[in-house]
Amino acid sequence: TFEPEELGKSRQELGSMLRELRKAAGLSGDRLAVRCTMSQSKVS
């Protein structure tokens, strides 16, 4: 679910949150990309 105020967050804020989650999970960008079936460059 998304709250209306969350939809207005900037791409940078969202990206930063995702990066923090990835690091907390102990994953590299490459490993996350494999798990998501997307390219590492797209994750980046």
All heavy atoms as atom14 arrays in JSON, in Angstrom:
{
  "sequence": "TFEPEELGKSRQELGSMLRELRKAAGLSGDRLAVRCTMSQSKVS",
  "atom14_mask": [
    [1, 1, 1, 1, 1, 1, 1, 0, 0, 0, 0, 0, 0, 0],
    [1, 1, 1, 1, 1, 1, 1, 1, 1, 1, 1, 0, 0, 0],
    [1, 1, 1, 1, 1, 1, 1, 1, 1, 0, 0, 0, 0, 0],
    [1, 1, 1, 1, 1, 1, 1, 0, 0, 0, 0, 0, 0, 0],
    [1, 1, 1, 1, 1, 1, 1, 1, 1, 0, 0, 0, 0, 0],
    [1, 1, 1, 1, 1, 1, 1, 1, 1, 0, 0, 0, 0, 0],
    [1, 1, 1, 1, 1, 1, 1, 1, 0, 0, 0, 0, 0, 0],
    [1, 1, 1, 1, 0, 0, 0, 0, 0, 0, 0, 0, 0, 0],
    [1, 1, 1, 1, 1, 1, 1, 1, 1, 0, 0, 0, 0, 0],
    [1, 1, 1, 1, 1, 1, 0, 0, 0, 0, 0, 0, 0, 0],
    [1, 1, 1, 1, 1, 1, 1, 1, 1, 1, 1, 0, 0, 0],
    [1, 1, 1, 1, 1, 1, 1, 1, 1, 0, 0, 0, 0, 0],
    [1, 1, 1, 1, 1, 1, 1, 1, 1, 0, 0, 0, 0, 0],
    [1, 1, 1, 1, 1, 1, 1, 1, 0, 0, 0, 0, 0, 0],
    [1, 1, 1, 1, 0, 0, 0, 0, 0, 0, 0, 0, 0, 0],
    [1, 1, 1, 1, 1, 1, 0, 0, 0, 0, 0, 0, 0, 0],
    [1, 1, 1, 1, 1, 1, 1, 1, 0, 0, 0, 0, 0, 0],
    [1, 1, 1, 1, 1, 1, 1, 1, 0, 0, 0, 0, 0, 0],
    [1, 1, 1, 1, 1, 1, 1, 1, 1, 1, 1, 0, 0, 0],
    [1, 1, 1, 1, 1, 1, 1, 1, 1, 0, 0, 0, 0, 0],
    [1, 1, 1, 1, 1, 1, 1, 1, 0, 0, 0, 0, 0, 0],
    [1, 1, 1, 1, 1, 1, 1, 1, 1, 1, 1, 0, 0, 0],
    [1, 1, 1, 1, 1, 1, 1, 1, 1, 0, 0, 0, 0, 0],
    [1, 1, 1, 1, 1, 0, 0, 0, 0, 0, 0, 0, 0, 0],
    [1, 1, 1, 1, 1, 0, 0, 0, 0, 0, 0, 0, 0, 0],
    [1, 1, 1, 1, 0, 0, 0, 0, 0, 0, 0, 0, 0, 0],
    [1, 1, 1, 1, 1, 1, 1, 1, 0, 0, 0, 0, 0, 0],
    [1, 1, 1, 1, 1, 1, 0, 0, 0, 0, 0, 0, 0, 0],
    [1, 1, 1, 1, 0, 0, 0, 0, 0, 0, 0, 0, 0, 0],
    [1, 1, 1, 1, 1, 1, 1, 1, 0, 0, 0, 0, 0, 0],
    [1, 1, 1, 1, 1, 1, 1, 1, 1, 1, 1, 0, 0, 0],
    [1, 1, 1, 1, 1, 1, 1, 1, 0, 0, 0, 0, 0, 0],
    [1, 1, 1, 1, 1, 0, 0, 0, 0, 0, 0, 0, 0, 0],
    [1, 1, 1, 1, 1, 1, 1, 0, 0, 0, 0, 0, 0, 0],
    [1, 1, 1, 1, 1, 1, 1, 1, 1, 1, 1, 0, 0, 0],
    [1, 1, 1, 1, 1, 1, 0, 0, 0, 0, 0, 0, 0, 0],
    [1, 1, 1, 1, 1, 1, 1, 0, 0, 0, 0, 0, 0, 0],
    [1, 1, 1, 1, 1, 1, 1, 1, 0, 0, 0, 0, 0, 0],
    [1, 1, 1, 1, 1, 1, 0, 0, 0, 0, 0, 0, 0, 0],
    [1, 1, 1, 1, 1, 1, 1, 1, 1, 0, 0, 0, 0, 0],
    [1, 1, 1, 1, 1, 1, 0, 0, 0, 0, 0, 0, 0, 0],
    [1, 1, 1, 1, 1, 1, 1, 1, 1, 0, 0, 0, 0, 0],
    [1, 1, 1, 1, 1, 1, 1, 0, 0, 0, 0, 0, 0, 0],
    [1, 1, 1, 1, 1, 1, 0, 0, 0, 0, 0, 0, 0, 0]
  ],
  "atom14_positions": [
    [[0.83, -1.19, 0.0], [0.0, 0.0, 0.0], [0.87, 1.24, 0.0], [2.0, 1.22, 0.48], [-0.92, 0.04, 1.24], [-0.11, 0.05, 2.4], [-1.85, -1.16, 1.27], [0.0, 0.0, 0.0], [0.0, 0.0, 0.0], [0.0, 0.0, 0.0], [0.0, 0.0, 0.0], [0.0, 0.0, 0.0], [0.0, 0.0, 0.0], [0.0, 0.0, 0.0]],
    [[0.32, 2.3, -0.55], [1.02, 3.58, -0.59], [0.1, 4.65, -0.03], [-1.05, 4.75, -0.43], [1.4, 3.97, -2.03], [2.45, 3.08, -2.63], [2.1, 1.99, -3.4], [3.78, 3.34, -2.42], [3.06, 1.16, -3.93], [4.76, 2.52, -2.96], [4.39, 1.43, -3.72], [0.0, 0.0, 0.0], [0.0, 0.0, 0.0], [0.0, 0.0, 0.0]],
    [[0.6, 5.43, 0.89], [-0.13, 6.57, 1.41], [0.03, 7.72, 0.41], [1.08, 7.85, -0.22], [0.42, 6.98, 2.78], [0.26, 5.91, 3.84], [-1.18, 5.56, 4.12], [-2.03, 6.48, 4.13], [-1.47, 4.37, 4.34], [0.0, 0.0, 0.0], [0.0, 0.0, 0.0], [0.0, 0.0, 0.0], [0.0, 0.0, 0.0], [0.0, 0.0, 0.0]],
    [[-0.99, 8.57, 0.28], [-0.9, 9.67, -0.7], [0.34, 10.52, -0.54], [0.98, 10.9, -1.52], [-2.17, 10.48, -0.43], [-3.12, 9.49, 0.14], [-2.28, 8.52, 0.94], [0.0, 0.0, 0.0], [0.0, 0.0, 0.0], [0.0, 0.0, 0.0], [0.0, 0.0, 0.0], [0.0, 0.0, 0.0], [0.0, 0.0, 0.0], [0.0, 0.0, 0.0]],
    [[0.74, 10.82, 0.71], [1.92, 11.66, 0.9], [3.2, 10.95, 0.48], [4.19, 11.59, 0.12], [2.04, 12.14, 2.36], [2.19, 11.04, 3.39], [0.89, 10.45, 3.89], [-0.18, 10.76, 3.34], [0.94, 9.67, 4.84], [0.0, 0.0, 0.0], [0.0, 0.0, 0.0], [0.0, 0.0, 0.0], [0.0, 0.0, 0.0], [0.0, 0.0, 0.0]],
    [[3.21, 9.63, 0.46], [4.39, 8.88, 0.04], [4.59, 8.94, -1.47], [5.7, 8.82, -1.96], [4.27, 7.42, 0.47], [4.27, 7.2, 1.96], [5.56, 7.62, 2.62], [6.63, 7.22, 2.12], [5.5, 8.35, 3.6], [0.0, 0.0, 0.0], [0.0, 0.0, 0.0], [0.0, 0.0, 0.0], [0.0, 0.0, 0.0], [0.0, 0.0, 0.0]],
    [[3.51, 9.07, -2.21], [3.63, 9.09, -3.66], [4.39, 10.3, -4.16], [4.93, 10.28, -5.26], [2.24, 9.03, -4.31], [1.49, 7.72, -4.08], [0.07, 7.82, -4.63], [2.21, 6.55, -4.7], [0.0, 0.0, 0.0], [0.0, 0.0, 0.0], [0.0, 0.0, 0.0], [0.0, 0.0, 0.0], [0.0, 0.0, 0.0], [0.0, 0.0, 0.0]],
    [[4.47, 11.35, -3.36], [5.17, 12.55, -3.77], [6.65, 12.55, -3.45], [7.35, 13.5, -3.75], [0.0, 0.0, 0.0], [0.0, 0.0, 0.0], [0.0, 0.0, 0.0], [0.0, 0.0, 0.0], [0.0, 0.0, 0.0], [0.0, 0.0, 0.0], [0.0, 0.0, 0.0], [0.0, 0.0, 0.0], [0.0, 0.0, 0.0], [0.0, 0.0, 0.0]],
    [[7.15, 11.48, -2.82], [8.58, 11.44, -2.48], [9.44, 11.48, -3.73], [9.08, 10.95, -4.77], [8.9, 10.18, -1.69], [8.52, 10.27, -0.25], [9.18, 9.19, 0.53], [8.98, 9.44, 2.0], [9.63, 8.44, 2.81], [0.0, 0.0, 0.0], [0.0, 0.0, 0.0], [0.0, 0.0, 0.0], [0.0, 0.0, 0.0], [0.0, 0.0, 0.0]],
    [[10.57, 12.08, -3.59], [11.46, 12.19, -4.73], [12.12, 10.86, -5.05], [12.22, 9.97, -4.2], [12.53, 13.25, -4.46], [13.47, 12.74, -3.54], [0.0, 0.0, 0.0], [0.0, 0.0, 0.0], [0.0, 0.0, 0.0], [0.0, 0.0, 0.0], [0.0, 0.0, 0.0], [0.0, 0.0, 0.0], [0.0, 0.0, 0.0], [0.0, 0.0, 0.0]],
    [[12.58, 10.75, -6.27], [13.31, 9.55, -6.69], [14.55, 9.34, -5.84], [14.91, 8.21, -5.52], [13.7, 9.65, -8.16], [12.52, 9.49, -9.1], [12.98, 9.54, -10.52], [13.33, 10.93, -10.83], [13.55, 11.38, -12.05], [13.51, 10.56, -13.07], [13.84, 12.63, -12.27], [0.0, 0.0, 0.0], [0.0, 0.0, 0.0], [0.0, 0.0, 0.0]],
    [[15.2, 10.44, -5.46], [16.41, 10.32, -4.66], [16.11, 9.74, -3.29], [16.87, 8.9, -2.79], [17.1, 11.69, -4.51], [17.74, 12.2, -5.78], [16.74, 12.8, -6.76], [15.61, 13.13, -6.42], [17.16, 12.92, -8.02], [0.0, 0.0, 0.0], [0.0, 0.0, 0.0], [0.0, 0.0, 0.0], [0.0, 0.0, 0.0], [0.0, 0.0, 0.0]],
    [[15.01, 10.17, -2.67], [14.64, 9.64, -1.36], [14.3, 8.15, -1.45], [14.73, 7.37, -0.59], [13.44, 10.4, -0.79], [13.76, 11.81, -0.35], [12.53, 12.58, 0.03], [11.5, 12.51, -0.67], [12.59, 13.26, 1.07], [0.0, 0.0, 0.0], [0.0, 0.0, 0.0], [0.0, 0.0, 0.0], [0.0, 0.0, 0.0], [0.0, 0.0, 0.0]],
    [[13.56, 7.78, -2.45], [13.21, 6.38, -2.65], [14.46, 5.55, -2.91], [14.65, 4.5, -2.3], [12.23, 6.23, -3.82], [11.84, 4.8, -4.17], [11.15, 4.1, -3.0], [10.93, 4.8, -5.4], [0.0, 0.0, 0.0], [0.0, 0.0, 0.0], [0.0, 0.0, 0.0], [0.0, 0.0, 0.0], [0.0, 0.0, 0.0], [0.0, 0.0, 0.0]],
    [[15.32, 6.04, -3.77], [16.56, 5.33, -4.08], [17.43, 5.16, -2.86], [17.99, 4.09, -2.62], [0.0, 0.0, 0.0], [0.0, 0.0, 0.0], [0.0, 0.0, 0.0], [0.0, 0.0, 0.0], [0.0, 0.0, 0.0], [0.0, 0.0, 0.0], [0.0, 0.0, 0.0], [0.0, 0.0, 0.0], [0.0, 0.0, 0.0], [0.0, 0.0, 0.0]],
    [[17.52, 6.2, -2.06], [18.32, 6.15, -0.84], [17.76, 5.11, 0.13], [18.51, 4.34, 0.74], [18.34, 7.53, -0.19], [19.08, 7.51, 1.0], [0.0, 0.0, 0.0], [0.0, 0.0, 0.0], [0.0, 0.0, 0.0], [0.0, 0.0, 0.0], [0.0, 0.0, 0.0], [0.0, 0.0, 0.0], [0.0, 0.0, 0.0], [0.0, 0.0, 0.0]],
    [[16.44, 5.08, 0.27], [15.82, 4.1, 1.15], [16.09, 2.67, 0.66], [16.44, 1.8, 1.45], [14.31, 4.32, 1.23], [13.62, 3.32, 2.15], [11.83, 3.22, 1.93], [11.74, 2.38, 0.37], [0.0, 0.0, 0.0], [0.0, 0.0, 0.0], [0.0, 0.0, 0.0], [0.0, 0.0, 0.0], [0.0, 0.0, 0.0], [0.0, 0.0, 0.0]],
    [[15.98, 2.45, -0.64], [16.24, 1.12, -1.2], [17.7, 0.73, -1.02], [18.01, -0.43, -0.71], [15.84, 1.08, -2.67], [14.33, 1.14, -2.93], [14.04, 1.35, -4.42], [13.64, -0.11, -2.43], [0.0, 0.0, 0.0], [0.0, 0.0, 0.0], [0.0, 0.0, 0.0], [0.0, 0.0, 0.0], [0.0, 0.0, 0.0], [0.0, 0.0, 0.0]],
    [[18.62, 1.67, -1.2], [20.04, 1.39, -1.0], [20.31, 0.99, 0.46], [21.04, 0.03, 0.73], [20.9, 2.6, -1.37], [22.4, 2.33, -1.25], [23.28, 3.52, -1.58], [22.94, 4.17, -2.83], [22.29, 5.34, -2.92], [21.94, 6.01, -1.84], [22.01, 5.87, -4.1], [0.0, 0.0, 0.0], [0.0, 0.0, 0.0], [0.0, 0.0, 0.0]],
    [[19.71, 1.73, 1.4], [19.88, 1.41, 2.81], [19.35, 0.01, 3.12], [19.98, -0.75, 3.86], [19.17, 2.44, 3.68], [19.86, 3.79, 3.7], [19.05, 4.85, 4.44], [18.23, 4.48, 5.31], [19.24, 6.03, 4.14], [0.0, 0.0, 0.0], [0.0, 0.0, 0.0], [0.0, 0.0, 0.0], [0.0, 0.0, 0.0], [0.0, 0.0, 0.0]],
    [[18.2, -0.34, 2.55], [17.64, -1.68, 2.77], [18.56, -2.75, 2.19], [18.76, -3.81, 2.79], [16.25, -1.79, 2.13], [15.12, -1.04, 2.83], [13.87, -1.06, 1.97], [14.85, -1.64, 4.2], [0.0, 0.0, 0.0], [0.0, 0.0, 0.0], [0.0, 0.0, 0.0], [0.0, 0.0, 0.0], [0.0, 0.0, 0.0], [0.0, 0.0, 0.0]],
    [[19.12, -2.47, 1.01], [20.02, -3.43, 0.37], [21.26, -3.65, 1.23], [21.66, -4.79, 1.49], [20.42, -2.95, -1.02], [21.46, -3.86, -1.69], [21.85, -3.4, -3.06], [22.41, -2.07, -3.13], [23.66, -1.74, -2.77], [24.48, -2.65, -2.28], [24.09, -0.51, -2.91], [0.0, 0.0, 0.0], [0.0, 0.0, 0.0], [0.0, 0.0, 0.0]],
    [[21.84, -2.56, 1.7], [23.04, -2.68, 2.53], [22.73, -3.38, 3.85], [23.52, -4.21, 4.31], [23.65, -1.3, 2.79], [24.31, -0.73, 1.54], [24.94, 0.61, 1.82], [25.64, 1.13, 0.58], [26.31, 2.41, 0.84], [0.0, 0.0, 0.0], [0.0, 0.0, 0.0], [0.0, 0.0, 0.0], [0.0, 0.0, 0.0], [0.0, 0.0, 0.0]],
    [[21.58, -3.08, 4.43], [21.19, -3.74, 5.68], [20.98, -5.24, 5.47], [21.22, -6.04, 6.38], [19.91, -3.11, 6.23], [0.0, 0.0, 0.0], [0.0, 0.0, 0.0], [0.0, 0.0, 0.0], [0.0, 0.0, 0.0], [0.0, 0.0, 0.0], [0.0, 0.0, 0.0], [0.0, 0.0, 0.0], [0.0, 0.0, 0.0], [0.0, 0.0, 0.0]],
    [[20.56, -5.62, 4.26], [20.38, -7.03, 3.93], [21.7, -7.71, 3.59], [21.75, -8.92, 3.4], [19.4, -7.17, 2.77], [0.0, 0.0, 0.0], [0.0, 0.0, 0.0], [0.0, 0.0, 0.0], [0.0, 0.0, 0.0], [0.0, 0.0, 0.0], [0.0, 0.0, 0.0], [0.0, 0.0, 0.0], [0.0, 0.0, 0.0], [0.0, 0.0, 0.0]],
    [[22.77, -6.92, 3.49], [24.09, -7.47, 3.18], [24.24, -7.91, 1.73], [25.01, -8.82, 1.45], [0.0, 0.0, 0.0], [0.0, 0.0, 0.0], [0.0, 0.0, 0.0], [0.0, 0.0, 0.0], [0.0, 0.0, 0.0], [0.0, 0.0, 0.0], [0.0, 0.0, 0.0], [0.0, 0.0, 0.0], [0.0, 0.0, 0.0], [0.0, 0.0, 0.0]],
    [[23.52, -7.25, 0.84], [23.57, -7.62, -0.57], [24.32, -6.58, -1.39], [24.23, -5.38, -1.12], [22.15, -7.73, -1.15], [21.26, -8.84, -0.6], [19.85, -8.69, -1.14], [21.82, -10.2, -0.96], [0.0, 0.0, 0.0], [0.0, 0.0, 0.0], [0.0, 0.0, 0.0], [0.0, 0.0, 0.0], [0.0, 0.0, 0.0], [0.0, 0.0, 0.0]],
    [[25.01, -7.05, -2.39], [25.62, -6.14, -3.36], [24.54, -5.77, -4.39], [23.49, -6.43, -4.47], [26.77, -6.83, -4.08], [26.28, -7.89, -4.9], [0.0, 0.0, 0.0], [0.0, 0.0, 0.0], [0.0, 0.0, 0.0], [0.0, 0.0, 0.0], [0.0, 0.0, 0.0], [0.0, 0.0, 0.0], [0.0, 0.0, 0.0], [0.0, 0.0, 0.0]],
    [[24.81, -4.74, -5.16], [23.89, -4.37, -6.24], [23.73, -5.49, -7.24], [22.63, -5.74, -7.74], [0.0, 0.0, 0.0], [0.0, 0.0, 0.0], [0.0, 0.0, 0.0], [0.0, 0.0, 0.0], [0.0, 0.0, 0.0], [0.0, 0.0, 0.0], [0.0, 0.0, 0.0], [0.0, 0.0, 0.0], [0.0, 0.0, 0.0], [0.0, 0.0, 0.0]],
    [[24.82, -6.2, -7.51], [24.77, -7.34, -8.45], [23.85, -8.43, -7.93], [23.04, -8.98, -8.67], [26.17, -7.93, -8.67], [27.07, -7.04, -9.5], [26.54, -6.31, -10.36], [28.29, -7.08, -9.28], [0.0, 0.0, 0.0], [0.0, 0.0, 0.0], [0.0, 0.0, 0.0], [0.0, 0.0, 0.0], [0.0, 0.0, 0.0], [0.0, 0.0, 0.0]],
    [[24.01, -8.78, -6.66], [23.22, -9.86, -6.08], [21.74, -9.5, -6.03], [20.88, -10.32, -6.31], [23.74, -10.19, -4.67], [23.18, -11.43, -4.11], [23.73, -12.65, -4.87], [22.86, -13.77, -4.58], [22.37, -14.61, -5.48], [22.72, -14.51, -6.74], [21.58, -15.57, -5.13], [0.0, 0.0, 0.0], [0.0, 0.0, 0.0], [0.0, 0.0, 0.0]],
    [[21.43, -8.24, -5.69], [20.04, -7.8, -5.67], [19.46, -7.86, -7.07], [18.32, -8.3, -7.26], [19.93, -6.38, -5.1], [18.53, -5.78, -5.08], [17.56, -6.64, -4.27], [18.58, -4.36, -4.53], [0.0, 0.0, 0.0], [0.0, 0.0, 0.0], [0.0, 0.0, 0.0], [0.0, 0.0, 0.0], [0.0, 0.0, 0.0], [0.0, 0.0, 0.0]],
    [[20.22, -7.44, -8.06], [19.76, -7.47, -9.44], [19.4, -8.89, -9.87], [18.36, -9.11, -10.51], [20.82, -6.89, -10.37], [0.0, 0.0, 0.0], [0.0, 0.0, 0.0], [0.0, 0.0, 0.0], [0.0, 0.0, 0.0], [0.0, 0.0, 0.0], [0.0, 0.0, 0.0], [0.0, 0.0, 0.0], [0.0, 0.0, 0.0], [0.0, 0.0, 0.0]],
    [[20.22, -9.86, -9.5], [19.93, -11.26, -9.84], [18.63, -11.69, -9.18], [17.78, -12.32, -9.82], [21.1, -12.18, -9.4], [20.72, -13.64, -9.48], [22.33, -11.9, -10.25], [0.0, 0.0, 0.0], [0.0, 0.0, 0.0], [0.0, 0.0, 0.0], [0.0, 0.0, 0.0], [0.0, 0.0, 0.0], [0.0, 0.0, 0.0], [0.0, 0.0, 0.0]],
    [[18.45, -11.34, -7.92], [17.23, -11.71, -7.2], [15.97, -11.1, -7.83], [14.9, -11.67, -7.75], [17.3, -11.27, -5.75], [18.19, -12.11, -4.89], [18.03, -11.7, -3.45], [18.81, -12.53, -2.57], [18.67, -12.53, -1.26], [17.8, -11.73, -0.67], [19.42, -13.31, -0.51], [0.0, 0.0, 0.0], [0.0, 0.0, 0.0], [0.0, 0.0, 0.0]],
    [[16.13, -9.92, -8.43], [14.99, -9.21, -9.02], [14.83, -9.47, -10.51], [13.89, -8.96, -11.11], [15.17, -7.71, -8.85], [15.16, -7.16, -7.17], [0.0, 0.0, 0.0], [0.0, 0.0, 0.0], [0.0, 0.0, 0.0], [0.0, 0.0, 0.0], [0.0, 0.0, 0.0], [0.0, 0.0, 0.0], [0.0, 0.0, 0.0], [0.0, 0.0, 0.0]],
    [[15.74, -10.19, -11.07], [15.81, -10.4, -12.54], [15.78, -9.06, -13.28], [15.02, -8.87, -14.22], [14.71, -11.35, -13.06], [13.42, -10.8, -12.82], [14.83, -12.74, -12.45], [0.0, 0.0, 0.0], [0.0, 0.0, 0.0], [0.0, 0.0, 0.0], [0.0, 0.0, 0.0], [0.0, 0.0, 0.0], [0.0, 0.0, 0.0], [0.0, 0.0, 0.0]],
    [[16.62, -8.15, -12.81], [16.82, -6.9, -13.54], [18.33, -6.66, -13.6], [19.09, -7.31, -12.9], [16.05, -5.72, -12.91], [16.5, -5.25, -11.56], [15.6, -3.77, -10.93], [13.94, -4.33, -10.73], [0.0, 0.0, 0.0], [0.0, 0.0, 0.0], [0.0, 0.0, 0.0], [0.0, 0.0, 0.0], [0.0, 0.0, 0.0], [0.0, 0.0, 0.0]],
    [[18.72, -5.76, -14.45], [20.16, -5.52, -14.6], [20.71, -4.76, -13.39], [19.98, -4.01, -12.73], [20.43, -4.72, -15.87], [19.94, -3.4, -15.74], [0.0, 0.0, 0.0], [0.0, 0.0, 0.0], [0.0, 0.0, 0.0], [0.0, 0.0, 0.0], [0.0, 0.0, 0.0], [0.0, 0.0, 0.0], [0.0, 0.0, 0.0], [0.0, 0.0, 0.0]],
    [[22.0, -4.95, -13.15], [22.65, -4.24, -12.05], [22.62, -2.75, -12.32], [22.47, -1.95, -11.41], [24.08, -4.75, -11.87], [24.82, -4.13, -10.7], [25.41, -2.76, -11.01], [25.82, -2.49, -12.13], [25.44, -1.91, -10.02], [0.0, 0.0, 0.0], [0.0, 0.0, 0.0], [0.0, 0.0, 0.0], [0.0, 0.0, 0.0], [0.0, 0.0, 0.0]],
    [[22.75, -2.37, -13.59], [22.75, -0.94, -13.91], [21.39, -0.31, -13.62], [21.32, 0.84, -13.19], [23.16, -0.71, -15.37], [22.27, -1.33, -16.25], [0.0, 0.0, 0.0], [0.0, 0.0, 0.0], [0.0, 0.0, 0.0], [0.0, 0.0, 0.0], [0.0, 0.0, 0.0], [0.0, 0.0, 0.0], [0.0, 0.0, 0.0], [0.0, 0.0, 0.0]],
    [[20.3, -1.06, -13.8], [18.98, -0.52, -13.48], [18.84, -0.34, -11.97], [18.33, 0.68, -11.52], [17.87, -1.44, -14.0], [16.49, -0.89, -13.75], [15.42, -1.72, -14.43], [14.06, -1.09, -14.22], [13.01, -1.85, -14.92], [0.0, 0.0, 0.0], [0.0, 0.0, 0.0], [0.0, 0.0, 0.0], [0.0, 0.0, 0.0], [0.0, 0.0, 0.0]],
    [[19.3, -1.32, -11.19], [19.27, -1.19, -9.73], [20.05, 0.05, -9.32], [19.59, 0.85, -8.52], [19.85, -2.46, -9.04], [20.04, -2.23, -7.55], [18.94, -3.66, -9.28], [0.0, 0.0, 0.0], [0.0, 0.0, 0.0], [0.0, 0.0, 0.0], [0.0, 0.0, 0.0], [0.0, 0.0, 0.0], [0.0, 0.0, 0.0], [0.0, 0.0, 0.0]],
    [[21.23, 0.24, -9.9], [22.06, 1.4, -9.6], [21.35, 2.7, -9.97], [21.36, 3.66, -9.18], [23.39, 1.3, -10.34], [24.18, 2.43, -10.09], [0.0, 0.0, 0.0], [0.0, 0.0, 0.0], [0.0, 0.0, 0.0], [0.0, 0.0, 0.0], [0.0, 0.0, 0.0], [0.0, 0.0, 0.0], [0.0, 0.0, 0.0], [0.0, 0.0, 0.0]]
  ]
}
